[in-house]
N, C-alpha and C. Protein backbone atom coordinates (compact mmCIF):
# COMPACT_ATOMS: atom_id res chain seq x y z
N MET A 1 176.90 52.73 218.45
CA MET A 1 177.28 52.57 217.02
C MET A 1 175.90 52.10 216.35
N LYS A 2 175.35 52.41 215.32
CA LYS A 2 174.21 52.21 214.55
C LYS A 2 174.56 50.67 213.50
N PRO A 3 173.54 49.99 213.60
CA PRO A 3 174.08 48.94 212.57
C PRO A 3 173.82 49.29 211.30
N THR A 4 174.24 48.42 210.27
CA THR A 4 174.16 48.49 208.73
C THR A 4 173.04 47.94 208.54
N LEU A 5 172.15 48.47 207.79
CA LEU A 5 170.63 48.09 207.31
C LEU A 5 171.00 47.68 205.93
N TYR A 6 169.98 46.65 205.68
CA TYR A 6 169.92 46.15 204.13
C TYR A 6 168.23 46.25 203.89
N THR A 7 167.85 46.57 202.77
CA THR A 7 166.45 46.59 202.16
C THR A 7 166.06 44.94 201.90
N ALA A 8 164.90 44.75 201.75
CA ALA A 8 164.69 43.31 201.27
C ALA A 8 165.26 42.84 199.65
N THR A 9 165.79 44.03 199.03
CA THR A 9 166.38 43.79 197.57
C THR A 9 167.85 43.68 197.91
N GLY A 10 168.43 43.84 198.91
CA GLY A 10 169.75 43.94 199.32
C GLY A 10 170.57 45.27 199.39
N GLU A 11 169.81 46.44 199.25
CA GLU A 11 170.41 47.75 199.29
C GLU A 11 170.79 48.25 200.52
N CYS A 12 171.99 48.59 200.61
CA CYS A 12 172.44 49.29 202.00
C CYS A 12 171.87 50.43 202.22
N VAL A 13 171.32 50.90 203.43
CA VAL A 13 170.74 51.97 203.95
C VAL A 13 171.19 52.41 205.06
N THR A 14 171.34 53.65 205.52
CA THR A 14 172.15 54.22 206.82
C THR A 14 170.80 55.08 207.63
N PRO A 15 170.78 54.32 208.60
CA PRO A 15 169.92 54.75 209.75
C PRO A 15 170.27 56.11 210.16
N GLY A 16 169.46 57.21 210.26
CA GLY A 16 169.44 58.61 210.57
C GLY A 16 169.25 58.73 212.26
N ARG A 17 168.58 59.85 212.45
CA ARG A 17 168.17 60.03 213.89
C ARG A 17 167.05 59.11 214.31
N GLU A 18 167.30 58.92 215.64
CA GLU A 18 166.40 58.11 216.39
C GLU A 18 165.04 58.84 216.64
N LEU A 19 163.94 58.18 215.90
CA LEU A 19 162.63 58.81 216.35
C LEU A 19 161.93 58.74 217.28
N GLY A 20 162.21 57.40 217.85
CA GLY A 20 161.57 57.04 219.53
C GLY A 20 161.88 55.69 219.47
N LYS A 21 161.63 55.23 220.75
CA LYS A 21 161.88 53.70 221.07
C LYS A 21 160.68 53.40 222.28
N GLY A 22 160.62 52.11 222.17
CA GLY A 22 159.75 51.46 223.18
C GLY A 22 160.19 49.94 223.60
N GLY A 23 159.18 49.13 223.99
CA GLY A 23 159.52 47.80 224.33
C GLY A 23 159.92 46.98 223.24
N GLU A 24 159.53 47.18 222.15
CA GLU A 24 160.11 46.13 221.13
C GLU A 24 161.28 46.48 220.47
N GLY A 25 161.58 47.90 220.19
CA GLY A 25 162.89 48.46 219.64
C GLY A 25 162.76 49.90 219.37
N ALA A 26 163.69 50.34 218.81
CA ALA A 26 163.74 51.72 218.32
C ALA A 26 163.42 51.84 216.69
N VAL A 27 163.12 53.21 216.60
CA VAL A 27 162.56 53.55 215.11
C VAL A 27 163.55 54.49 214.66
N TYR A 28 164.24 54.44 213.54
CA TYR A 28 165.17 55.67 213.05
C TYR A 28 164.69 56.06 211.57
N ASP A 29 165.01 57.11 211.36
CA ASP A 29 164.75 57.60 209.89
C ASP A 29 166.05 57.14 208.93
N ILE A 30 165.47 57.05 207.78
CA ILE A 30 166.65 56.24 206.80
C ILE A 30 167.04 57.44 205.73
N ASN A 31 168.39 57.82 205.99
CA ASN A 31 168.87 58.97 205.21
C ASN A 31 168.58 58.74 203.65
N GLU A 32 168.62 57.51 202.98
CA GLU A 32 168.49 57.46 201.67
C GLU A 32 166.85 57.57 201.26
N PHE A 33 166.01 57.24 202.07
CA PHE A 33 164.61 57.46 201.69
C PHE A 33 163.78 58.35 202.76
N VAL A 34 163.43 59.52 202.19
CA VAL A 34 162.82 60.46 203.32
C VAL A 34 161.44 60.26 203.65
N ASP A 35 160.87 59.09 202.98
CA ASP A 35 159.47 58.61 203.30
C ASP A 35 159.52 57.32 204.19
N SER A 36 160.51 56.90 204.52
CA SER A 36 160.66 55.49 204.96
C SER A 36 161.46 55.67 206.57
N VAL A 37 160.89 54.71 207.56
CA VAL A 37 161.94 54.49 208.74
C VAL A 37 162.03 53.08 208.82
N ALA A 38 163.11 52.86 209.80
CA ALA A 38 163.44 51.60 210.11
C ALA A 38 163.16 51.16 211.65
N LYS A 39 162.69 49.99 211.84
CA LYS A 39 162.38 49.52 213.34
C LYS A 39 163.55 48.48 213.56
N ILE A 40 164.36 48.77 214.65
CA ILE A 40 165.32 47.90 215.13
C ILE A 40 164.98 47.26 216.41
N TYR A 41 164.76 46.01 216.42
CA TYR A 41 164.24 45.17 217.68
C TYR A 41 165.31 45.00 218.42
N HIS A 42 164.91 44.97 219.81
CA HIS A 42 165.86 44.67 220.80
C HIS A 42 166.13 43.12 220.72
N THR A 43 165.26 42.33 220.37
CA THR A 43 165.15 40.83 220.13
C THR A 43 164.63 40.49 218.88
N PRO A 44 164.90 39.44 218.16
CA PRO A 44 164.17 39.46 217.04
C PRO A 44 162.78 39.16 217.28
N PRO A 45 161.88 39.69 216.20
CA PRO A 45 160.44 39.79 216.28
C PRO A 45 159.95 38.39 215.85
N PRO A 46 158.49 38.32 216.49
CA PRO A 46 158.00 36.88 216.24
C PRO A 46 157.88 36.59 214.68
N ALA A 47 157.86 35.53 214.19
CA ALA A 47 157.56 34.95 212.90
C ALA A 47 156.40 35.70 212.18
N LEU A 48 155.56 35.92 212.86
CA LEU A 48 154.40 36.81 212.20
C LEU A 48 154.45 38.11 211.88
N LYS A 49 155.62 38.76 212.31
CA LYS A 49 155.90 40.09 212.07
C LYS A 49 156.81 40.23 211.02
N THR A 50 157.91 39.12 210.80
CA THR A 50 158.91 39.14 209.84
C THR A 50 158.50 39.49 208.45
N GLY A 51 157.25 39.09 207.95
CA GLY A 51 156.75 39.33 206.71
C GLY A 51 156.50 40.68 206.51
N GLN A 52 156.14 41.67 207.60
CA GLN A 52 156.31 43.02 207.57
C GLN A 52 157.35 43.81 207.53
N THR A 53 158.52 43.34 207.76
CA THR A 53 159.71 44.04 208.02
C THR A 53 160.32 44.13 206.71
N CYS A 54 160.73 45.48 206.46
CA CYS A 54 161.16 45.97 204.96
C CYS A 54 162.76 45.96 205.00
N LEU A 55 163.32 46.26 206.20
CA LEU A 55 164.74 46.46 206.40
C LEU A 55 165.11 45.43 207.38
N TYR A 56 166.43 44.82 207.18
CA TYR A 56 167.19 43.99 208.02
C TYR A 56 168.31 44.60 208.55
N GLY A 57 168.57 44.47 209.82
CA GLY A 57 169.61 44.91 210.29
C GLY A 57 170.52 43.74 210.82
N CYS A 58 171.93 44.12 210.72
CA CYS A 58 173.12 43.30 211.13
C CYS A 58 174.15 43.76 211.74
N ASP A 59 174.76 43.51 212.88
CA ASP A 59 175.84 43.79 213.77
C ASP A 59 176.89 43.82 212.75
N SER A 60 177.70 44.94 212.54
CA SER A 60 178.89 44.51 211.72
C SER A 60 179.99 45.46 212.43
């Protein structure tokens, strides 16, 4: 099950197909934005990276 994602402005978006995955997490395309992707981390990212994150996932 893919998580529900929210943009920094609170808009709900839907993760599409998985584009790749690695040590930090997996990258998905976003159905609502053809020019954007979402990286879903296996564990929360370090504080230095959170300012770069545009989409936030939450398990629901």
